[in-house]
Amino acid sequence: SGYQKAMMDLAANPSLSEAIMDRVLEHKIQYYSAAIAELLSAGIESFIISESDDLGSQSGLLISPDMYRRLAKPRHTRLFETIKRCSGGRAAVELHCCGAIRGILPDLIESGVEVLNPVQVSAAGMDTAELKREFGDSIVFHGGGVDSQATLPYGTPAEVRDEVRRRIEELAPGGGFIFTPVHSIQHDVPFENFMAMIETFYEYA
């Protein structure tokens, strides 16, 4: 498939991969520059720019940390610096990046990511207490309020309540936490579990 070939080209044909990434980067820079100008002209004083670049699977990174640092990080850095410059510092940079990405989280922070979405708590190494302890002073966690792969659709309301309390108690102290479930709420989530999540959240609101 095209996706498989693109992944193989990162190692087998890096010059082609870099040329493609540079074209995508230029388009993104043009888009965000124009979009931010419109927001500022409308008098909007602060906002979040959310970029998406999934780099993790359930068990690990899709590419090695070294490959990320060589190929993707310089382009992330340029894009995020452009967003900050065009917005005059008014924009916060959020990156949607699923999976087990703990190994490159310091690099994402260095590149300019200020908000991480989601916090995929079921993925390897994504323990919320450890993430908060290691990175809580440097990044805002958006998501991770309850596991949307297992607990929310398949747990009991009591299990949902217990996990919501635990995630809030681990991620919220000192600020830097936006409560949502890990990912979108799907059709298989029982209404009772949805209400258990909402009611437990409001215990802390």
N, C-alpha and C. Protein backbone atom coordinates (compact mmCIF):
# COMPACT_ATOMS: atom_id res chain seq x y z
N SER A 1 0.84 -1.19 0.00
CA SER A 1 0.00 0.00 0.00
C SER A 1 0.88 1.25 0.00
N GLY A 2 0.26 2.40 -0.23
CA GLY A 2 1.00 3.64 -0.22
C GLY A 2 1.60 3.94 1.13
N TYR A 3 0.86 3.60 2.20
CA TYR A 3 1.38 3.85 3.55
C TYR A 3 2.62 3.02 3.81
N GLN A 4 2.59 1.74 3.45
CA GLN A 4 3.74 0.87 3.66
C GLN A 4 4.95 1.38 2.87
N LYS A 5 4.72 1.78 1.64
CA LYS A 5 5.82 2.28 0.82
C LYS A 5 6.40 3.56 1.41
N ALA A 6 5.53 4.43 1.91
CA ALA A 6 6.01 5.67 2.51
C ALA A 6 6.88 5.38 3.72
N MET A 7 6.48 4.41 4.52
CA MET A 7 7.27 4.06 5.70
C MET A 7 8.62 3.46 5.28
N MET A 8 8.62 2.62 4.27
CA MET A 8 9.87 2.01 3.80
C MET A 8 10.79 3.06 3.20
N ASP A 9 10.21 4.06 2.53
CA ASP A 9 11.04 5.10 1.91
C ASP A 9 11.78 5.94 2.94
N LEU A 10 11.26 6.02 4.16
CA LEU A 10 11.97 6.76 5.20
C LEU A 10 13.38 6.21 5.41
N ALA A 11 13.53 4.89 5.24
CA ALA A 11 14.84 4.26 5.39
C ALA A 11 15.52 4.04 4.04
N ALA A 12 14.75 3.62 3.03
CA ALA A 12 15.36 3.22 1.76
C ALA A 12 15.57 4.39 0.81
N ASN A 13 14.75 5.42 0.95
CA ASN A 13 14.86 6.56 0.02
C ASN A 13 14.60 7.85 0.80
N PRO A 14 15.47 8.16 1.76
CA PRO A 14 15.21 9.32 2.61
C PRO A 14 15.17 10.65 1.87
N SER A 15 15.92 10.77 0.76
CA SER A 15 15.89 12.04 0.03
C SER A 15 14.51 12.30 -0.55
N LEU A 16 13.84 11.26 -1.06
CA LEU A 16 12.48 11.40 -1.55
C LEU A 16 11.53 11.75 -0.40
N SER A 17 11.69 11.06 0.72
CA SER A 17 10.83 11.32 1.88
C SER A 17 10.99 12.76 2.34
N GLU A 18 12.22 13.24 2.39
CA GLU A 18 12.45 14.62 2.83
C GLU A 18 11.87 15.63 1.86
N ALA A 19 11.95 15.34 0.56
CA ALA A 19 11.39 16.24 -0.43
C ALA A 19 9.87 16.33 -0.27
N ILE A 20 9.23 15.19 -0.03
CA ILE A 20 7.78 15.18 0.17
C ILE A 20 7.42 15.92 1.45
N MET A 21 8.17 15.66 2.51
CA MET A 21 7.87 16.34 3.78
C MET A 21 8.05 17.85 3.65
N ASP A 22 9.05 18.27 2.88
CA ASP A 22 9.27 19.70 2.70
C ASP A 22 8.11 20.36 1.95
N ARG A 23 7.57 19.66 0.94
CA ARG A 23 6.41 20.20 0.23
C ARG A 23 5.21 20.32 1.17
N VAL A 24 4.98 19.27 1.96
CA VAL A 24 3.87 19.31 2.93
C VAL A 24 4.08 20.44 3.93
N LEU A 25 5.32 20.58 4.40
CA LEU A 25 5.63 21.64 5.36
C LEU A 25 5.33 23.01 4.78
N GLU A 26 5.71 23.26 3.54
CA GLU A 26 5.46 24.57 2.94
C GLU A 26 3.97 24.85 2.83
N HIS A 27 3.20 23.83 2.48
CA HIS A 27 1.75 24.01 2.42
C HIS A 27 1.19 24.33 3.80
N LYS A 28 1.66 23.62 4.81
CA LYS A 28 1.18 23.86 6.17
C LYS A 28 1.55 25.28 6.64
N ILE A 29 2.75 25.72 6.34
CA ILE A 29 3.17 27.06 6.73
C ILE A 29 2.28 28.11 6.06
N GLN A 30 2.01 27.94 4.78
CA GLN A 30 1.14 28.88 4.09
C GLN A 30 -0.26 28.88 4.69
N TYR A 31 -0.77 27.69 4.96
CA TYR A 31 -2.12 27.58 5.52
C TYR A 31 -2.22 28.24 6.88
N TYR A 32 -1.31 27.87 7.79
CA TYR A 32 -1.39 28.41 9.15
C TYR A 32 -1.11 29.91 9.18
N SER A 33 -0.23 30.38 8.32
CA SER A 33 0.04 31.83 8.27
C SER A 33 -1.23 32.58 7.89
N ALA A 34 -1.95 32.08 6.89
CA ALA A 34 -3.19 32.74 6.46
C ALA A 34 -4.28 32.60 7.52
N ALA A 35 -4.41 31.41 8.10
CA ALA A 35 -5.46 31.19 9.10
C ALA A 35 -5.23 32.04 10.34
N ILE A 36 -3.99 32.14 10.79
CA ILE A 36 -3.69 32.95 11.97
C ILE A 36 -3.94 34.42 11.69
N ALA A 37 -3.59 34.88 10.49
CA ALA A 37 -3.86 36.28 10.14
C ALA A 37 -5.35 36.58 10.21
N GLU A 38 -6.19 35.64 9.78
CA GLU A 38 -7.64 35.82 9.85
C GLU A 38 -8.10 35.87 11.30
N LEU A 39 -7.57 35.01 12.15
CA LEU A 39 -7.96 35.01 13.56
C LEU A 39 -7.58 36.32 14.23
N LEU A 40 -6.38 36.79 13.96
CA LEU A 40 -5.92 38.04 14.57
C LEU A 40 -6.73 39.23 14.07
N SER A 41 -7.06 39.23 12.77
CA SER A 41 -7.85 40.34 12.23
C SER A 41 -9.26 40.36 12.80
N ALA A 42 -9.74 39.20 13.26
CA ALA A 42 -11.06 39.12 13.88
C ALA A 42 -11.03 39.50 15.35
N GLY A 43 -9.85 39.83 15.86
CA GLY A 43 -9.72 40.27 17.24
C GLY A 43 -9.61 39.16 18.25
N ILE A 44 -9.34 37.94 17.81
CA ILE A 44 -9.20 36.81 18.73
C ILE A 44 -7.81 36.89 19.37
N GLU A 45 -7.78 36.95 20.68
CA GLU A 45 -6.54 37.24 21.40
C GLU A 45 -5.69 36.00 21.69
N SER A 46 -6.34 34.86 21.88
CA SER A 46 -5.57 33.64 22.18
C SER A 46 -6.32 32.44 21.63
N PHE A 47 -5.58 31.44 21.20
CA PHE A 47 -6.21 30.28 20.58
C PHE A 47 -5.19 29.14 20.55
N ILE A 48 -5.70 27.95 20.26
CA ILE A 48 -4.86 26.75 20.13
C ILE A 48 -4.82 26.34 18.67
N ILE A 49 -3.63 26.10 18.16
CA ILE A 49 -3.46 25.51 16.83
C ILE A 49 -3.15 24.04 17.04
N SER A 50 -4.00 23.17 16.51
CA SER A 50 -3.83 21.74 16.72
C SER A 50 -3.35 21.08 15.43
N GLU A 51 -2.15 20.54 15.49
CA GLU A 51 -1.55 19.82 14.38
C GLU A 51 -1.62 18.33 14.70
N SER A 52 -1.63 17.48 13.67
CA SER A 52 -1.76 16.03 13.88
C SER A 52 -0.63 15.31 13.16
N ASP A 53 0.01 14.40 13.87
CA ASP A 53 1.12 13.64 13.28
C ASP A 53 1.35 12.39 14.11
N ASP A 54 0.52 11.36 13.92
CA ASP A 54 0.63 10.15 14.74
C ASP A 54 1.98 9.47 14.53
N LEU A 55 2.64 9.19 15.65
CA LEU A 55 3.99 8.63 15.60
C LEU A 55 4.12 7.34 16.40
N GLY A 56 3.04 6.92 17.06
CA GLY A 56 3.13 5.75 17.92
C GLY A 56 2.07 4.71 17.63
N SER A 57 2.39 3.47 17.97
CA SER A 57 1.44 2.38 17.95
C SER A 57 1.10 2.02 19.39
N GLN A 58 0.38 0.95 19.59
CA GLN A 58 0.04 0.52 20.93
C GLN A 58 1.27 0.12 21.73
N SER A 59 2.28 -0.40 21.04
CA SER A 59 3.43 -0.96 21.75
C SER A 59 4.71 -0.16 21.62
N GLY A 60 4.77 0.79 20.71
CA GLY A 60 6.02 1.54 20.54
C GLY A 60 5.90 2.57 19.44
N LEU A 61 7.02 3.19 19.13
CA LEU A 61 7.06 4.21 18.08
C LEU A 61 6.98 3.57 16.70
N LEU A 62 6.41 4.30 15.74
CA LEU A 62 6.34 3.83 14.36
C LEU A 62 7.68 3.97 13.65
N ILE A 63 8.50 4.92 14.09
CA ILE A 63 9.86 5.07 13.58
C ILE A 63 10.78 5.21 14.79
N SER A 64 12.07 5.01 14.56
CA SER A 64 13.00 5.10 15.67
C SER A 64 13.16 6.54 16.15
N PRO A 65 13.53 6.73 17.41
CA PRO A 65 13.80 8.10 17.88
C PRO A 65 14.83 8.81 17.02
N ASP A 66 15.86 8.09 16.57
CA ASP A 66 16.89 8.73 15.74
C ASP A 66 16.30 9.19 14.42
N MET A 67 15.45 8.37 13.81
CA MET A 67 14.83 8.76 12.54
C MET A 67 13.91 9.95 12.74
N TYR A 68 13.18 9.96 13.86
CA TYR A 68 12.34 11.13 14.13
C TYR A 68 13.19 12.39 14.24
N ARG A 69 14.31 12.30 14.97
CA ARG A 69 15.15 13.48 15.18
C ARG A 69 15.80 13.96 13.89
N ARG A 70 16.13 13.04 12.99
CA ARG A 70 16.78 13.43 11.74
C ARG A 70 15.79 13.98 10.72
N LEU A 71 14.63 13.36 10.62
CA LEU A 71 13.73 13.68 9.52
C LEU A 71 12.55 14.57 9.93
N ALA A 72 11.92 14.26 11.02
CA ALA A 72 10.67 14.96 11.35
C ALA A 72 10.86 16.13 12.31
N LYS A 73 11.73 15.98 13.29
CA LYS A 73 11.85 17.02 14.31
C LYS A 73 12.23 18.38 13.74
N PRO A 74 13.20 18.49 12.82
CA PRO A 74 13.51 19.82 12.29
C PRO A 74 12.31 20.48 11.60
N ARG A 75 11.49 19.67 10.96
CA ARG A 75 10.31 20.22 10.27
C ARG A 75 9.21 20.58 11.26
N HIS A 76 9.03 19.75 12.28
CA HIS A 76 8.12 20.13 13.36
C HIS A 76 8.55 21.46 13.96
N THR A 77 9.82 21.58 14.25
CA THR A 77 10.34 22.79 14.90
C THR A 77 10.07 24.02 14.04
N ARG A 78 10.35 23.91 12.75
CA ARG A 78 10.12 25.05 11.87
C ARG A 78 8.63 25.42 11.82
N LEU A 79 7.77 24.41 11.73
CA LEU A 79 6.33 24.68 11.67
C LEU A 79 5.83 25.34 12.94
N PHE A 80 6.25 24.81 14.09
CA PHE A 80 5.75 25.35 15.35
C PHE A 80 6.32 26.73 15.64
N GLU A 81 7.58 26.96 15.24
CA GLU A 81 8.15 28.31 15.38
C GLU A 81 7.39 29.30 14.50
N THR A 82 6.99 28.88 13.31
CA THR A 82 6.21 29.76 12.43
C THR A 82 4.87 30.12 13.05
N ILE A 83 4.21 29.13 13.64
CA ILE A 83 2.92 29.37 14.30
C ILE A 83 3.08 30.38 15.43
N LYS A 84 4.11 30.21 16.24
CA LYS A 84 4.33 31.13 17.36
C LYS A 84 4.65 32.53 16.84
N ARG A 85 5.48 32.62 15.82
CA ARG A 85 5.88 33.92 15.30
C ARG A 85 4.69 34.63 14.64
N CYS A 86 3.95 33.93 13.81
CA CYS A 86 2.82 34.56 13.11
C CYS A 86 1.73 35.01 14.09
N SER A 87 1.60 34.30 15.18
CA SER A 87 0.56 34.64 16.15
C SER A 87 1.04 35.63 17.20
N GLY A 88 2.30 36.02 17.13
CA GLY A 88 2.84 36.91 18.16
C GLY A 88 2.81 36.28 19.53
N GLY A 89 2.93 34.95 19.57
CA GLY A 89 2.91 34.23 20.84
C GLY A 89 1.52 34.00 21.40
N ARG A 90 0.49 34.36 20.65
CA ARG A 90 -0.88 34.19 21.14
C ARG A 90 -1.38 32.75 21.01
N ALA A 91 -0.79 31.99 20.10
CA ALA A 91 -1.25 30.62 19.85
C ALA A 91 -0.47 29.64 20.71
N ALA A 92 -1.20 28.69 21.28
CA ALA A 92 -0.58 27.53 21.90
C ALA A 92 -0.56 26.41 20.86
N VAL A 93 0.53 25.67 20.82
CA VAL A 93 0.70 24.61 19.83
C VAL A 93 0.32 23.27 20.46
N GLU A 94 -0.71 22.64 19.88
CA GLU A 94 -1.13 21.30 20.32
C GLU A 94 -0.77 20.30 19.24
N LEU A 95 -0.29 19.13 19.66
CA LEU A 95 -0.02 18.05 18.71
C LEU A 95 -0.88 16.86 19.06
N HIS A 96 -1.70 16.42 18.11
CA HIS A 96 -2.41 15.15 18.24
C HIS A 96 -1.45 14.06 17.81
N CYS A 97 -1.10 13.19 18.75
CA CYS A 97 -0.10 12.16 18.47
C CYS A 97 -0.42 10.95 19.33
N CYS A 98 -1.01 9.93 18.72
CA CYS A 98 -1.45 8.75 19.47
C CYS A 98 -0.29 7.82 19.80
N GLY A 99 -0.57 6.90 20.71
CA GLY A 99 0.29 5.76 20.93
C GLY A 99 1.39 5.95 21.95
N ALA A 100 2.34 5.02 21.89
CA ALA A 100 3.43 4.94 22.86
C ALA A 100 4.57 5.85 22.41
N ILE A 101 4.47 7.12 22.76
CA ILE A 101 5.41 8.13 22.24
C ILE A 101 6.32 8.69 23.32
N ARG A 102 6.34 8.06 24.47
CA ARG A 102 7.12 8.60 25.57
C ARG A 102 8.59 8.81 25.22
N GLY A 103 9.13 7.93 24.37
CA GLY A 103 10.54 8.01 24.02
C GLY A 103 10.95 9.26 23.29
N ILE A 104 9.97 9.93 22.63
CA ILE A 104 10.30 11.18 21.92
C ILE A 104 9.56 12.38 22.52
N LEU A 105 8.92 12.19 23.66
CA LEU A 105 8.19 13.32 24.25
C LEU A 105 9.12 14.50 24.56
N PRO A 106 10.33 14.28 25.08
CA PRO A 106 11.24 15.42 25.26
C PRO A 106 11.55 16.14 23.95
N ASP A 107 11.65 15.39 22.85
CA ASP A 107 11.91 16.01 21.54
C ASP A 107 10.71 16.83 21.08
N LEU A 108 9.51 16.32 21.31
CA LEU A 108 8.32 17.07 20.92
C LEU A 108 8.24 18.38 21.69
N ILE A 109 8.56 18.32 22.98
CA ILE A 109 8.57 19.54 23.79
C ILE A 109 9.61 20.52 23.27
N GLU A 110 10.80 20.02 22.95
CA GLU A 110 11.85 20.89 22.41
C GLU A 110 11.44 21.50 21.07
N SER A 111 10.66 20.78 20.29
CA SER A 111 10.26 21.29 18.97
C SER A 111 9.20 22.37 19.08
N GLY A 112 8.58 22.50 20.26
CA GLY A 112 7.60 23.56 20.45
C GLY A 112 6.22 23.10 20.81
N VAL A 113 6.01 21.80 21.00
CA VAL A 113 4.69 21.30 21.39
C VAL A 113 4.41 21.72 22.84
N GLU A 114 3.25 22.36 23.04
CA GLU A 114 2.85 22.82 24.36
C GLU A 114 1.69 22.02 24.94
N VAL A 115 0.92 21.37 24.07
CA VAL A 115 -0.23 20.57 24.50
C VAL A 115 -0.17 19.24 23.75
N LEU A 116 -0.27 18.13 24.49
CA LEU A 116 -0.27 16.80 23.88
C LEU A 116 -1.66 16.21 23.94
N ASN A 117 -2.16 15.75 22.79
CA ASN A 117 -3.44 15.07 22.71
C ASN A 117 -3.31 13.88 21.77
N PRO A 118 -3.78 12.70 22.15
CA PRO A 118 -4.30 12.36 23.46
C PRO A 118 -3.17 11.86 24.36
N VAL A 119 -3.55 11.43 25.56
CA VAL A 119 -2.64 10.67 26.42
C VAL A 119 -3.18 9.25 26.38
N GLN A 120 -2.59 8.42 25.52
CA GLN A 120 -3.14 7.08 25.31
C GLN A 120 -2.67 6.16 26.42
N VAL A 121 -3.47 6.11 27.48
CA VAL A 121 -3.05 5.48 28.73
C VAL A 121 -2.85 3.98 28.59
N SER A 122 -3.44 3.35 27.58
CA SER A 122 -3.29 1.91 27.39
C SER A 122 -2.04 1.54 26.60
N ALA A 123 -1.36 2.53 26.04
CA ALA A 123 -0.17 2.26 25.25
C ALA A 123 1.05 2.10 26.16
N ALA A 124 2.06 1.40 25.65
CA ALA A 124 3.25 1.10 26.43
C ALA A 124 3.95 2.38 26.89
N GLY A 125 4.27 2.43 28.18
CA GLY A 125 5.04 3.54 28.73
C GLY A 125 4.26 4.80 29.01
N MET A 126 2.94 4.78 28.78
CA MET A 126 2.15 6.01 28.93
C MET A 126 1.43 6.03 30.28
N ASP A 127 2.16 5.75 31.32
CA ASP A 127 1.62 5.79 32.68
C ASP A 127 1.42 7.25 33.09
N THR A 128 0.20 7.59 33.50
CA THR A 128 -0.11 9.00 33.72
C THR A 128 0.65 9.60 34.90
N ALA A 129 0.84 8.84 35.97
CA ALA A 129 1.57 9.38 37.12
C ALA A 129 3.02 9.70 36.73
N GLU A 130 3.64 8.79 35.98
CA GLU A 130 5.03 9.00 35.56
C GLU A 130 5.14 10.15 34.56
N LEU A 131 4.20 10.22 33.62
CA LEU A 131 4.23 11.32 32.64
C LEU A 131 4.10 12.67 33.33
N LYS A 132 3.20 12.75 34.30
CA LYS A 132 3.01 14.01 35.01
C LYS A 132 4.27 14.37 35.78
N ARG A 133 4.87 13.41 36.42
CA ARG A 133 6.07 13.66 37.22
C ARG A 133 7.24 14.11 36.33
N GLU A 134 7.40 13.48 35.19
CA GLU A 134 8.54 13.78 34.32
C GLU A 134 8.34 15.02 33.45
N PHE A 135 7.10 15.24 32.99
CA PHE A 135 6.89 16.27 31.97
C PHE A 135 5.82 17.29 32.33
N GLY A 136 5.23 17.18 33.50
CA GLY A 136 4.11 18.04 33.86
C GLY A 136 4.45 19.52 33.92
N ASP A 137 5.72 19.86 34.12
CA ASP A 137 6.11 21.27 34.15
C ASP A 137 6.34 21.83 32.75
N SER A 138 6.32 20.96 31.74
CA SER A 138 6.71 21.39 30.39
C SER A 138 5.62 21.29 29.35
N ILE A 139 4.54 20.55 29.66
CA ILE A 139 3.52 20.32 28.64
C ILE A 139 2.17 20.15 29.30
N VAL A 140 1.12 20.50 28.58
CA VAL A 140 -0.26 20.30 29.02
C VAL A 140 -0.75 18.97 28.45
N PHE A 141 -1.37 18.16 29.29
CA PHE A 141 -1.92 16.89 28.85
C PHE A 141 -3.41 17.08 28.54
N HIS A 142 -3.79 16.79 27.31
CA HIS A 142 -5.18 16.92 26.86
C HIS A 142 -5.69 15.52 26.53
N GLY A 143 -6.51 14.99 27.41
CA GLY A 143 -6.98 13.62 27.26
C GLY A 143 -6.38 12.74 28.34
N GLY A 144 -6.71 11.48 28.30
CA GLY A 144 -6.21 10.55 29.32
C GLY A 144 -7.13 10.44 30.52
N GLY A 145 -8.32 11.07 30.44
CA GLY A 145 -9.22 11.05 31.58
C GLY A 145 -9.80 9.69 31.88
N VAL A 146 -9.96 8.87 30.85
CA VAL A 146 -10.41 7.48 31.02
C VAL A 146 -10.09 6.75 29.71
N ASP A 147 -9.71 5.49 29.82
CA ASP A 147 -9.33 4.70 28.66
C ASP A 147 -10.56 4.44 27.78
N SER A 148 -10.51 4.92 26.54
CA SER A 148 -11.64 4.76 25.63
C SER A 148 -11.57 3.47 24.82
N GLN A 149 -10.50 2.68 25.01
CA GLN A 149 -10.40 1.39 24.32
C GLN A 149 -11.03 0.26 25.13
N ALA A 150 -10.93 0.36 26.45
CA ALA A 150 -11.40 -0.76 27.29
C ALA A 150 -12.37 -0.30 28.36
N THR A 151 -11.93 0.57 29.26
CA THR A 151 -12.75 0.91 30.42
C THR A 151 -14.07 1.57 30.04
N LEU A 152 -14.01 2.58 29.19
CA LEU A 152 -15.22 3.33 28.87
C LEU A 152 -16.27 2.47 28.14
N PRO A 153 -15.89 1.70 27.11
CA PRO A 153 -16.92 0.89 26.44
C PRO A 153 -17.26 -0.41 27.14
N TYR A 154 -16.31 -1.01 27.85
CA TYR A 154 -16.51 -2.37 28.34
C TYR A 154 -16.48 -2.51 29.86
N GLY A 155 -16.06 -1.47 30.58
CA GLY A 155 -16.04 -1.55 32.03
C GLY A 155 -17.41 -1.31 32.63
N THR A 156 -17.48 -1.45 33.94
CA THR A 156 -18.70 -1.11 34.66
C THR A 156 -18.68 0.38 35.00
N PRO A 157 -19.85 0.96 35.35
CA PRO A 157 -19.84 2.35 35.79
C PRO A 157 -18.90 2.58 36.98
N ALA A 158 -18.80 1.62 37.88
CA ALA A 158 -17.90 1.77 39.02
C ALA A 158 -16.45 1.81 38.56
N GLU A 159 -16.10 0.99 37.57
CA GLU A 159 -14.73 1.00 37.06
C GLU A 159 -14.43 2.30 36.33
N VAL A 160 -15.41 2.82 35.61
CA VAL A 160 -15.22 4.13 34.96
C VAL A 160 -14.97 5.20 36.01
N ARG A 161 -15.78 5.22 37.06
CA ARG A 161 -15.60 6.23 38.11
C ARG A 161 -14.22 6.12 38.75
N ASP A 162 -13.80 4.90 39.04
CA ASP A 162 -12.49 4.70 39.68
C ASP A 162 -11.36 5.21 38.79
N GLU A 163 -11.45 4.92 37.49
CA GLU A 163 -10.36 5.36 36.61
C GLU A 163 -10.38 6.87 36.42
N VAL A 164 -11.55 7.47 36.28
CA VAL A 164 -11.62 8.92 36.14
C VAL A 164 -11.00 9.60 37.36
N ARG A 165 -11.35 9.12 38.55
CA ARG A 165 -10.77 9.72 39.77
C ARG A 165 -9.25 9.59 39.76
N ARG A 166 -8.76 8.40 39.38
CA ARG A 166 -7.31 8.17 39.40
C ARG A 166 -6.60 9.06 38.40
N ARG A 167 -7.13 9.17 37.19
CA ARG A 167 -6.48 9.99 36.17
C ARG A 167 -6.47 11.47 36.57
N ILE A 168 -7.57 11.95 37.11
CA ILE A 168 -7.61 13.35 37.55
C ILE A 168 -6.61 13.58 38.68
N GLU A 169 -6.56 12.67 39.63
CA GLU A 169 -5.65 12.83 40.76
C GLU A 169 -4.19 12.75 40.33
N GLU A 170 -3.91 12.04 39.23
CA GLU A 170 -2.53 11.93 38.75
C GLU A 170 -2.15 13.07 37.81
N LEU A 171 -3.08 13.55 37.00
CA LEU A 171 -2.73 14.52 35.97
C LEU A 171 -3.07 15.96 36.31
N ALA A 172 -4.03 16.19 37.19
CA ALA A 172 -4.51 17.55 37.41
C ALA A 172 -3.69 18.41 38.38
N PRO A 173 -3.02 17.83 39.40
CA PRO A 173 -2.34 18.70 40.38
C PRO A 173 -1.39 19.70 39.73
N GLY A 174 -1.53 20.97 40.11
CA GLY A 174 -0.67 22.02 39.56
C GLY A 174 -1.13 22.54 38.22
N GLY A 175 -2.24 22.03 37.70
CA GLY A 175 -2.72 22.47 36.40
C GLY A 175 -2.08 21.70 35.27
N GLY A 176 -2.34 22.15 34.05
CA GLY A 176 -1.76 21.50 32.88
C GLY A 176 -2.48 20.23 32.48
N PHE A 177 -3.80 20.16 32.72
CA PHE A 177 -4.57 18.98 32.33
C PHE A 177 -5.92 19.42 31.79
N ILE A 178 -6.25 19.00 30.57
CA ILE A 178 -7.56 19.22 29.97
C ILE A 178 -8.26 17.87 29.96
N PHE A 179 -9.35 17.76 30.72
CA PHE A 179 -10.01 16.46 30.87
C PHE A 179 -10.84 16.12 29.64
N THR A 180 -10.53 15.00 29.03
CA THR A 180 -11.38 14.32 28.06
C THR A 180 -11.01 12.85 28.15
N PRO A 181 -11.86 11.94 27.62
CA PRO A 181 -11.39 10.56 27.49
C PRO A 181 -10.21 10.52 26.54
N VAL A 182 -9.54 9.38 26.47
CA VAL A 182 -8.36 9.28 25.63
C VAL A 182 -8.67 9.67 24.19
N HIS A 183 -9.79 9.16 23.66
CA HIS A 183 -10.11 9.43 22.27
C HIS A 183 -11.62 9.62 22.14
N SER A 184 -12.11 9.65 20.93
CA SER A 184 -13.52 9.91 20.67
C SER A 184 -14.40 8.86 21.36
N ILE A 185 -15.57 9.28 21.78
CA ILE A 185 -16.54 8.37 22.38
C ILE A 185 -17.32 7.70 21.26
N GLN A 186 -17.22 6.38 21.18
CA GLN A 186 -17.83 5.63 20.09
C GLN A 186 -19.23 5.14 20.46
N HIS A 187 -19.91 4.55 19.48
CA HIS A 187 -21.30 4.13 19.65
C HIS A 187 -21.44 2.98 20.65
N ASP A 188 -20.35 2.27 20.94
CA ASP A 188 -20.45 1.12 21.83
C ASP A 188 -20.28 1.48 23.31
N VAL A 189 -20.18 2.76 23.63
CA VAL A 189 -20.07 3.19 25.03
C VAL A 189 -21.46 3.24 25.64
N PRO A 190 -21.71 2.45 26.70
CA PRO A 190 -23.03 2.49 27.34
C PRO A 190 -23.31 3.87 27.93
N PHE A 191 -24.56 4.27 27.87
CA PHE A 191 -24.94 5.57 28.41
C PHE A 191 -24.58 5.68 29.89
N GLU A 192 -24.72 4.58 30.63
CA GLU A 192 -24.41 4.60 32.06
C GLU A 192 -22.93 4.91 32.29
N ASN A 193 -22.08 4.38 31.42
CA ASN A 193 -20.65 4.66 31.56
C ASN A 193 -20.32 6.11 31.19
N PHE A 194 -20.99 6.62 30.16
CA PHE A 194 -20.80 8.02 29.80
C PHE A 194 -21.18 8.92 30.96
N MET A 195 -22.33 8.67 31.59
CA MET A 195 -22.77 9.49 32.70
C MET A 195 -21.86 9.33 33.91
N ALA A 196 -21.34 8.12 34.12
CA ALA A 196 -20.40 7.91 35.23
C ALA A 196 -19.16 8.77 35.04
N MET A 197 -18.67 8.86 33.81
CA MET A 197 -17.51 9.71 33.51
C MET A 197 -17.83 11.18 33.80
N ILE A 198 -18.95 11.67 33.27
CA ILE A 198 -19.31 13.07 33.42
C ILE A 198 -19.54 13.42 34.89
N GLU A 199 -20.30 12.59 35.60
CA GLU A 199 -20.61 12.89 37.00
C GLU A 199 -19.37 12.88 37.87
N THR A 200 -18.46 11.95 37.58
CA THR A 200 -17.22 11.89 38.38
C THR A 200 -16.34 13.10 38.08
N PHE A 201 -16.28 13.50 36.82
CA PHE A 201 -15.53 14.72 36.49
C PHE A 201 -16.06 15.91 37.27
N TYR A 202 -17.36 16.05 37.35
CA TYR A 202 -17.94 17.22 38.03
C TYR A 202 -17.72 17.18 39.53
N GLU A 203 -17.34 16.05 40.08
CA GLU A 203 -16.94 16.02 41.49
C GLU A 203 -15.71 16.88 41.74
N TYR A 204 -14.90 17.07 40.68
CA TYR A 204 -13.64 17.79 40.81
C TYR A 204 -13.73 19.20 40.21
N ALA A 205 -14.83 19.49 39.49
CA ALA A 205 -14.92 20.75 38.77
C ALA A 205 -15.13 21.92 39.72
